[in-house]
Amino acid sequence: MSGRISGKNRKGNPDYYDYSLLAVVILLTGFGLVMLYSTSSYVAEVKFGNDMYYFSRQALISLGAIVAAILISRIDYHVLMKLGGWLFLLSIALMALVRTRFGITINHARRWVKLGPFQFQPSEIAKIAIIVFVPLLIVKMGKNFKGFRACVLPMLSGILLAGCAYVLTENLSTGIIIFLITFFIIFVAHPKTAPFIILMVIAAAAAGVGVWALVHYSVSGSFRIQRILVWLNPEKYSEEGGYQIMQALYALGSGGIFGKGLGNSTQKLGSLPEAQNDMIFSIVCEELGVFGGIILILLFVYLLYRLFFIARNANDLYGSLMVTGIFAHIALQVILNICVVLNLIPTTGITLPFVSYGGTSVLFLMMEMSIALSVSRGIRFQKEERDLWGSVVEEEY
C-alpha cells in the first residue's frame, strides 16, 4: 500500500496510552455541560419545572460514556475486523426499524427508535459502522487497492449506508456526513490524489450552479430547497426558518470580544429556538464572546491533532484508517455546525460534538474515542541513542 498513511506493522508498546486525547475529550465534555446548563436552564424550568432537566440527563450519560470508553479502549481494536460486516448490516436493520412501530417522532422528525427503556438515533450507529467497515474493505484489498475499480466497493458501501440514512430516517445531513467520511478515508488510503481533487472541484461547481439557479429562477419545492432559500435571505423567509438564524446572529453580534458573562445570555430566554441543540455555539459566543468561541475551537483543533497523531503513528493500516474516519467525522460536524451558526451554509441540524444536547450523540462519540484510544495503545516510537563510536542508533520503545 503506497497511500499517505503507512501500512507497516509494528509491535506496539503496551505501556503507551494517549492521555492527551482523553484529557481534551473530558475538557470538551465539561465545557459542554457548563454551557448546556447555562443555555437550557430557563427553557427547562419553563417546560419541565426543573432547570437541571437537560443538564442532569446529559451529565449522567456523559459520565457513563467516558467510563465505558476508557474500559472499552483496553480491548484490542482488531476485534472490529471480525465484527465490521455485522455492524454494517446491524446499522441498516436498526435504521429500518424507524419505519416500523418502534420508530418515534420528535420535533416533527421520525429518526428515533425506542426499544424498551432505550431510545436512540440508529443513524449515529451508521457513522461508526462506516468508520469500521470501509477500512476493513481497503485492508483486505491490500496492494490491489489502486485505480478506479478498487474504489468502487468501498464507495458503494458508503453510498448504501448514506442512502439508508436518507431514505429510512429522512436524515439528509447524516447521509452526507456518512458519504464524506467514506470519501475522506478512500482519499487518504488511495495512492493517487488528482482524481479526488477533480471530483471535489466538480462537486463544488455543481453546488454553485444549483445555488445560482435557486437565486435567479426562484425555484421552490421541498423543505430542503426552502432551507437554501432561507439561508440566502433569512429576513425574507423569517417565518419559514429564518427567525432562528437571525436570532443566532444577534447572539453572536451582541457578545463582543469577551461576552456578556456566563449565564447572562438574553437570546436563550425563548428568543432562540432549541438553543441547547445545534445553535449552542451562538450562546457560547454571546456569553463568552469571540474569546470563548476561539477557546472552544482551539480545543477541537487539539482534539483533531491528537487523532491525526494517532492515525499517523498507528500500529497498522486498519487502525490508521479507522482513526482517519473518526478525524473526518469530528472535523465535518464541527465545521458544518459552526458554518450553520454563522449562516455560511443552510441549516442542517448537525450538532456540535460533546457540547450540544443529545445523549445518543455523546454516547457514540465516546465509542469512537474508545476506538482511537485503543489504536493509540499500539503506537511504538523511535528514540535516538549513540553507540560507543558516536553513531546514531535508533531504538524502539
Protein backbone atom coordinates (compact mmCIF):
# COMPACT_ATOMS: atom_id res chain seq x y z
CA MET A 1 0.00 0.00 0.00
CA SER A 2 1.55 3.26 -1.10
CA GLY A 3 -1.05 5.67 0.31
CA ARG A 4 -0.29 8.61 2.54
CA ILE A 5 -0.70 6.52 5.68
CA SER A 6 1.93 3.91 6.32
CA GLY A 7 0.80 0.33 6.43
CA LYS A 8 3.80 -1.00 8.31
CA ASN A 9 3.14 -3.47 11.07
CA ARG A 10 4.93 -2.52 14.25
CA LYS A 11 4.83 -4.27 17.55
CA GLY A 12 3.08 -1.88 19.91
CA ASN A 13 4.19 -0.65 23.27
CA PRO A 14 1.51 -1.79 25.72
CA ASP A 15 2.51 0.96 28.17
CA TYR A 16 1.55 3.82 25.83
CA TYR A 17 -1.87 5.41 26.16
CA ASP A 18 -2.89 8.75 24.67
CA TYR A 19 -3.88 10.53 27.87
CA SER A 20 -3.77 13.83 25.97
CA LEU A 21 -6.70 12.69 23.82
CA LEU A 22 -8.59 11.52 26.88
CA ALA A 23 -7.90 14.83 28.66
CA VAL A 24 -9.15 17.02 25.81
CA VAL A 25 -12.29 14.87 25.46
CA ILE A 26 -13.01 15.32 29.18
CA LEU A 27 -12.34 19.08 28.89
CA LEU A 28 -14.71 19.40 25.93
CA THR A 29 -17.37 17.38 27.75
CA GLY A 30 -17.02 19.51 30.88
CA PHE A 31 -17.14 22.73 28.85
CA GLY A 32 -20.20 21.41 27.04
CA LEU A 33 -22.01 20.57 30.29
CA VAL A 34 -21.38 24.05 31.72
CA MET A 35 -22.66 25.70 28.55
CA LEU A 36 -25.59 23.28 28.31
CA TYR A 37 -26.79 24.21 31.80
CA SER A 38 -26.34 27.91 31.10
CA THR A 39 -28.17 27.62 27.78
CA SER A 40 -31.02 25.32 28.76
CA SER A 41 -31.83 26.13 32.41
CA TYR A 42 -34.52 28.73 31.61
CA VAL A 43 -36.28 26.63 28.96
CA ALA A 44 -36.03 23.50 31.14
CA GLU A 45 -37.63 25.36 34.07
CA VAL A 46 -40.47 26.61 31.88
CA LYS A 47 -41.16 23.29 30.12
CA PHE A 48 -40.41 20.74 32.85
CA GLY A 49 -40.30 22.71 36.12
CA ASN A 50 -36.68 21.61 36.60
CA ASP A 51 -33.84 23.87 35.47
CA MET A 52 -31.43 20.91 35.51
CA TYR A 53 -33.57 18.66 33.29
CA TYR A 54 -31.28 18.76 30.24
CA PHE A 55 -28.08 19.09 32.26
CA SER A 56 -28.69 16.13 34.57
CA ARG A 57 -29.58 13.78 31.72
CA GLN A 58 -26.57 14.83 29.67
CA ALA A 59 -24.20 14.70 32.66
CA LEU A 60 -25.29 11.17 33.59
CA ILE A 61 -24.90 9.87 30.04
CA SER A 62 -21.56 11.68 29.59
CA LEU A 63 -20.10 10.26 32.79
CA GLY A 64 -21.19 6.73 31.96
CA ALA A 65 -19.95 7.10 28.37
CA ILE A 66 -16.49 8.30 29.48
CA VAL A 67 -16.10 5.39 31.88
CA ALA A 68 -17.30 2.96 29.20
CA ALA A 69 -14.90 4.47 26.64
CA ILE A 70 -11.92 4.03 28.98
CA LEU A 71 -12.84 0.41 29.66
CA ILE A 72 -13.55 -0.42 26.01
CA SER A 73 -10.29 1.21 24.91
CA ARG A 74 -8.43 -1.58 26.73
CA ILE A 75 -9.81 -4.09 24.23
CA ASP A 76 -7.72 -4.79 21.13
CA TYR A 77 -9.32 -2.87 18.24
CA HIS A 78 -8.57 -5.74 15.84
CA VAL A 79 -11.68 -7.49 17.16
CA LEU A 80 -13.59 -5.00 14.99
CA MET A 81 -12.20 -6.71 11.90
CA LYS A 82 -14.44 -9.67 12.73
CA LEU A 83 -17.43 -7.50 13.65
CA GLY A 84 -17.22 -4.84 10.91
CA GLY A 85 -19.53 -6.57 8.43
CA TRP A 86 -22.10 -7.43 11.10
CA LEU A 87 -22.04 -3.87 12.43
CA PHE A 88 -22.66 -2.59 8.90
CA LEU A 89 -25.72 -4.84 8.49
CA LEU A 90 -26.95 -4.09 12.02
CA SER A 91 -26.90 -0.35 11.35
CA ILE A 92 -29.10 -0.84 8.26
CA ALA A 93 -31.50 -3.07 10.20
CA LEU A 94 -31.80 -0.54 13.04
CA MET A 95 -32.44 2.32 10.62
CA ALA A 96 -35.15 0.18 9.00
CA LEU A 97 -36.83 -0.09 12.43
CA VAL A 98 -37.52 3.65 12.25
CA ARG A 99 -40.19 2.87 9.64
CA THR A 100 -41.90 0.36 11.94
CA ARG A 101 -43.90 0.74 15.14
CA PHE A 102 -40.61 1.02 17.04
CA GLY A 103 -39.86 4.34 15.35
CA ILE A 104 -40.87 7.53 17.17
CA THR A 105 -41.22 11.15 16.09
CA ILE A 106 -39.50 14.01 17.94
CA ASN A 107 -39.71 17.63 16.82
CA HIS A 108 -41.58 16.62 13.64
CA ALA A 109 -38.79 14.23 12.60
CA ARG A 110 -39.10 10.43 12.65
CA ARG A 111 -35.48 9.44 13.27
CA TRP A 112 -35.51 7.68 16.62
CA VAL A 113 -36.05 4.09 17.68
CA LYS A 114 -37.44 3.10 21.07
CA LEU A 115 -36.62 -0.41 22.28
CA GLY A 116 -37.89 -0.86 25.82
CA PRO A 117 -36.29 1.83 28.01
CA PHE A 118 -33.71 2.70 25.33
CA GLN A 119 -34.28 5.49 22.85
CA PHE A 120 -31.63 6.39 20.25
CA GLN A 121 -30.92 7.50 16.69
CA PRO A 122 -29.72 4.48 14.68
CA SER A 123 -28.07 6.79 12.15
CA GLU A 124 -25.40 7.51 14.79
CA ILE A 125 -24.51 3.80 14.76
CA ALA A 126 -24.23 4.02 10.98
CA LYS A 127 -21.40 6.56 11.35
CA ILE A 128 -19.38 4.12 13.46
CA ALA A 129 -20.28 1.28 11.09
CA ILE A 130 -18.82 3.08 8.08
CA ILE A 131 -15.71 4.07 10.07
CA VAL A 132 -15.12 0.40 10.89
CA PHE A 133 -16.26 -1.26 7.65
CA VAL A 134 -14.65 0.81 4.87
CA PRO A 135 -11.10 0.46 6.31
CA LEU A 136 -11.74 -3.28 6.57
CA LEU A 137 -12.53 -3.47 2.84
CA ILE A 138 -9.43 -1.45 1.97
CA VAL A 139 -7.15 -3.57 4.16
CA LYS A 140 -8.49 -6.79 2.63
CA MET A 141 -7.70 -5.44 -0.85
CA GLY A 142 -4.11 -4.83 0.23
CA LYS A 143 -1.84 -3.93 -2.68
CA ASN A 144 -4.77 -4.27 -5.09
CA PHE A 145 -6.25 -1.03 -3.75
CA LYS A 146 -5.28 1.17 -6.68
CA GLY A 147 -7.05 2.53 -9.70
CA PHE A 148 -10.72 3.43 -10.07
CA ARG A 149 -12.17 -0.09 -9.77
CA ALA A 150 -10.66 -0.61 -6.34
CA CYS A 151 -12.62 2.38 -5.02
CA VAL A 152 -15.98 1.13 -6.25
CA LEU A 153 -16.84 -1.34 -3.46
CA PRO A 154 -15.83 0.92 -0.53
CA MET A 155 -17.60 3.89 -2.14
CA LEU A 156 -20.75 1.88 -2.84
CA SER A 157 -20.77 0.78 0.81
CA GLY A 158 -20.73 4.42 1.88
CA ILE A 159 -23.40 5.36 -0.67
CA LEU A 160 -25.61 2.47 0.51
CA LEU A 161 -25.38 3.47 4.16
CA ALA A 162 -25.81 7.16 3.34
CA GLY A 163 -28.84 6.32 1.22
CA CYS A 164 -30.38 4.28 4.04
CA ALA A 165 -29.87 7.20 6.43
CA TYR A 166 -31.67 9.48 3.98
CA VAL A 167 -34.49 7.16 2.92
CA LEU A 168 -35.17 5.28 6.16
CA THR A 169 -34.62 8.09 8.68
CA GLU A 170 -35.15 11.11 6.38
CA ASN A 171 -31.84 12.48 7.67
CA LEU A 172 -30.03 14.04 4.72
CA SER A 173 -27.32 15.72 6.82
CA THR A 174 -26.27 12.41 8.39
CA GLY A 175 -26.31 10.78 4.97
CA ILE A 176 -23.98 13.49 3.65
CA ILE A 177 -21.62 13.05 6.61
CA ILE A 178 -21.50 9.26 6.09
CA PHE A 179 -20.69 9.74 2.41
CA LEU A 180 -17.99 12.34 3.14
CA ILE A 181 -16.39 10.12 5.80
CA THR A 182 -16.20 7.33 3.20
CA PHE A 183 -14.76 9.68 0.60
CA PHE A 184 -12.12 11.00 3.01
CA ILE A 185 -10.97 7.51 4.09
CA ILE A 186 -10.61 6.41 0.47
CA PHE A 187 -8.83 9.66 -0.43
CA VAL A 188 -6.27 9.18 2.35
CA ALA A 189 -5.69 5.49 1.61
CA HIS A 190 -5.51 5.73 -2.19
CA PRO A 191 -2.08 6.30 -3.79
CA LYS A 192 -3.45 8.83 -6.29
CA THR A 193 -4.63 12.32 -5.37
CA ALA A 194 -5.54 14.08 -8.64
CA PRO A 195 -8.80 12.18 -9.40
CA PHE A 196 -10.22 13.04 -5.98
CA ILE A 197 -9.29 16.71 -6.33
CA ILE A 198 -11.05 16.80 -9.71
CA LEU A 199 -14.16 15.19 -8.22
CA MET A 200 -14.24 17.74 -5.38
CA VAL A 201 -13.91 20.64 -7.84
CA ILE A 202 -16.74 19.23 -9.99
CA ALA A 203 -18.97 18.75 -6.91
CA ALA A 204 -18.27 22.31 -5.71
CA ALA A 205 -19.03 23.71 -9.17
CA ALA A 206 -22.30 21.74 -9.36
CA ALA A 207 -23.34 23.04 -5.93
CA GLY A 208 -22.55 26.58 -7.02
CA VAL A 209 -24.65 26.22 -10.17
CA GLY A 210 -27.53 24.83 -8.10
CA VAL A 211 -27.49 27.78 -5.72
CA TRP A 212 -27.26 30.21 -8.67
CA ALA A 213 -30.34 28.60 -10.21
CA LEU A 214 -32.27 28.98 -6.95
CA VAL A 215 -31.38 32.65 -6.71
CA HIS A 216 -32.11 33.62 -10.31
CA TYR A 217 -35.13 31.44 -11.03
CA SER A 218 -36.79 31.46 -7.58
CA VAL A 219 -37.05 27.68 -7.56
CA SER A 220 -39.32 26.31 -4.84
CA GLY A 221 -40.24 22.82 -3.74
CA SER A 222 -39.32 20.64 -0.79
CA PHE A 223 -38.44 21.92 2.65
CA ARG A 224 -34.76 21.30 1.86
CA ILE A 225 -34.94 23.76 -1.04
CA GLN A 226 -36.78 26.07 1.36
CA ARG A 227 -33.80 25.83 3.73
CA ILE A 228 -31.50 27.07 0.97
CA LEU A 229 -33.83 30.00 0.26
CA VAL A 230 -33.90 30.80 3.98
CA TRP A 231 -30.09 30.72 4.07
CA LEU A 232 -29.86 33.13 1.15
CA ASN A 233 -32.39 35.57 2.61
CA PRO A 234 -33.29 34.84 6.27
CA GLU A 235 -35.11 38.18 6.72
CA LYS A 236 -37.47 37.48 3.82
CA TYR A 237 -38.20 33.93 4.98
CA SER A 238 -38.24 34.55 8.72
CA GLU A 239 -41.47 32.59 9.19
CA GLU A 240 -40.06 29.59 7.30
CA GLY A 241 -36.95 29.23 9.49
CA GLY A 242 -35.01 32.44 9.02
CA TYR A 243 -36.03 33.61 12.50
CA GLN A 244 -33.73 31.08 14.20
CA ILE A 245 -30.76 32.10 12.06
CA MET A 246 -31.34 35.80 12.70
CA GLN A 247 -31.55 35.24 16.47
CA ALA A 248 -28.33 33.22 16.37
CA LEU A 249 -26.59 36.05 14.51
CA TYR A 250 -27.94 38.55 17.07
CA ALA A 251 -26.44 36.42 19.83
CA LEU A 252 -23.08 36.30 18.03
CA GLY A 253 -23.03 40.03 17.44
CA SER A 254 -24.08 41.04 20.94
CA GLY A 255 -21.35 39.02 22.66
CA GLY A 256 -18.47 41.20 21.53
CA ILE A 257 -14.91 40.21 22.39
CA PHE A 258 -15.38 38.83 25.90
CA GLY A 259 -19.15 38.31 26.04
CA LYS A 260 -21.88 39.28 28.46
CA GLY A 261 -20.72 36.82 31.09
CA LEU A 262 -21.58 33.20 31.79
CA GLY A 263 -25.32 32.83 32.30
CA ASN A 264 -26.17 36.32 31.03
CA SER A 265 -27.43 35.45 27.56
CA THR A 266 -30.73 37.04 26.57
CA GLN A 267 -31.28 35.04 23.36
CA LYS A 268 -31.60 31.80 25.33
CA LEU A 269 -34.69 33.18 27.10
CA GLY A 270 -37.01 31.85 24.43
CA SER A 271 -35.83 34.02 21.54
CA LEU A 272 -33.55 31.36 20.01
CA PRO A 273 -35.47 28.07 19.47
CA GLU A 274 -33.69 24.86 20.53
CA ALA A 275 -30.60 26.83 21.58
CA GLN A 276 -29.25 23.81 23.51
CA ASN A 277 -29.00 21.75 20.34
CA ASP A 278 -27.37 22.80 17.08
CA MET A 279 -27.31 26.55 17.93
CA ILE A 280 -25.42 26.29 21.20
CA PHE A 281 -22.26 27.83 19.69
CA SER A 282 -24.12 31.14 19.30
CA ILE A 283 -24.83 31.17 23.06
CA VAL A 284 -21.17 30.37 23.75
CA CYS A 285 -20.20 33.46 21.77
CA GLU A 286 -22.90 35.61 23.36
CA GLU A 287 -21.88 34.76 26.93
CA LEU A 288 -18.12 34.27 26.48
CA GLY A 289 -17.59 36.39 23.40
CA VAL A 290 -15.28 35.79 20.47
CA PHE A 291 -12.62 34.83 23.02
CA GLY A 292 -14.74 31.95 24.35
CA GLY A 293 -15.62 30.81 20.83
CA ILE A 294 -11.94 30.73 19.86
CA ILE A 295 -11.03 28.77 23.01
CA LEU A 296 -13.67 26.17 22.13
CA ILE A 297 -12.43 25.95 18.54
CA LEU A 298 -8.84 25.53 19.78
CA LEU A 299 -9.96 22.62 21.96
CA PHE A 300 -11.44 20.97 18.88
CA VAL A 301 -8.25 21.70 16.92
CA TYR A 302 -6.19 19.98 19.62
CA LEU A 303 -8.58 17.01 19.63
CA LEU A 304 -8.14 16.69 15.86
CA TYR A 305 -4.38 16.99 16.26
CA ARG A 306 -4.34 14.07 18.70
CA LEU A 307 -6.43 12.00 16.28
CA PHE A 308 -4.06 12.90 13.45
CA PHE A 309 -1.10 11.90 15.64
CA ILE A 310 -2.66 8.50 16.41
CA ALA A 311 -3.60 7.88 12.76
CA ARG A 312 -0.08 8.79 11.63
CA ASN A 313 1.65 6.53 14.15
CA ALA A 314 -0.83 3.65 14.38
CA ASN A 315 0.43 0.10 14.51
CA ASP A 316 -1.17 -0.91 11.18
CA LEU A 317 -3.20 0.40 8.28
CA TYR A 318 -6.54 -0.72 9.70
CA GLY A 319 -6.05 1.31 12.88
CA SER A 320 -4.79 4.29 10.86
CA LEU A 321 -7.81 4.36 8.58
CA MET A 322 -10.34 3.95 11.38
CA VAL A 323 -8.88 6.93 13.25
CA THR A 324 -8.80 8.81 9.94
CA GLY A 325 -12.54 8.21 9.68
CA ILE A 326 -13.06 9.43 13.25
CA PHE A 327 -10.98 12.52 12.42
CA ALA A 328 -13.15 13.20 9.37
CA HIS A 329 -16.37 12.75 11.36
CA ILE A 330 -15.41 15.17 14.15
CA ALA A 331 -13.96 17.74 11.73
CA LEU A 332 -17.05 17.65 9.50
CA GLN A 333 -19.51 18.09 12.35
CA VAL A 334 -17.57 20.94 13.95
CA ILE A 335 -17.10 22.79 10.66
CA LEU A 336 -20.67 22.30 9.46
CA ASN A 337 -22.22 23.25 12.81
CA ILE A 338 -20.22 26.47 13.15
CA CYS A 339 -20.84 27.36 9.50
CA VAL A 340 -24.60 26.99 10.06
CA VAL A 341 -24.48 29.27 13.12
CA LEU A 342 -22.52 31.86 11.09
CA ASN A 343 -25.07 31.42 8.24
CA LEU A 344 -22.33 30.39 5.82
CA ILE A 345 -24.35 27.32 4.78
CA PRO A 346 -28.03 26.30 5.07
CA THR A 347 -29.25 24.81 8.35
CA THR A 348 -28.53 21.10 8.64
CA GLY A 349 -29.50 20.06 12.16
CA ILE A 350 -25.95 18.85 12.82
CA THR A 351 -24.94 19.13 16.47
CA LEU A 352 -21.66 20.40 17.92
CA PRO A 353 -19.75 17.34 19.22
CA PHE A 354 -19.53 16.98 23.03
CA VAL A 355 -21.28 20.35 23.51
CA SER A 356 -24.80 20.17 22.07
CA TYR A 357 -27.55 18.33 23.95
CA GLY A 358 -28.09 14.76 22.80
CA GLY A 359 -27.44 11.55 24.68
CA THR A 360 -27.18 9.37 21.56
CA SER A 361 -24.60 11.69 20.01
CA VAL A 362 -22.43 11.79 23.14
CA LEU A 363 -22.61 8.03 23.66
CA PHE A 364 -21.48 7.10 20.16
CA LEU A 365 -18.88 9.88 20.00
CA MET A 366 -17.34 8.35 23.12
CA MET A 367 -17.37 4.95 21.44
CA GLU A 368 -15.37 6.48 18.60
CA MET A 369 -12.94 7.93 21.15
CA SER A 370 -12.56 4.47 22.69
CA ILE A 371 -11.55 3.11 19.28
CA ALA A 372 -8.97 5.88 18.86
CA LEU A 373 -7.59 5.25 22.36
CA SER A 374 -7.39 1.53 21.63
CA VAL A 375 -5.44 2.23 18.45
CA SER A 376 -3.11 4.54 20.42
CA ARG A 377 -2.13 1.63 22.67
CA GLY A 378 -0.38 0.03 19.70
CA ILE A 379 1.87 3.01 18.98
CA ARG A 380 5.59 2.37 19.16
CA PHE A 381 8.03 5.24 18.96
CA GLN A 382 11.65 5.58 17.98
CA LYS A 383 14.31 7.25 20.09
CA GLU A 384 17.88 8.07 19.18
CA GLU A 385 20.87 6.83 21.14
CA ARG A 386 24.57 6.92 20.29
CA ASP A 387 26.89 3.95 20.47
CA LEU A 388 30.49 4.00 21.72
CA TRP A 389 31.68 5.42 18.37
CA GLY A 390 29.15 8.25 18.35
CA SER A 391 26.97 6.75 15.64
CA VAL A 392 23.23 7.23 15.94
CA VAL A 393 21.35 4.05 16.87
CA GLU A 394 17.54 4.01 16.70
CA GLU A 395 15.80 2.03 19.38
CA GLU A 396 12.12 1.30 19.70
CA TYR A 397 10.28 1.78 22.95
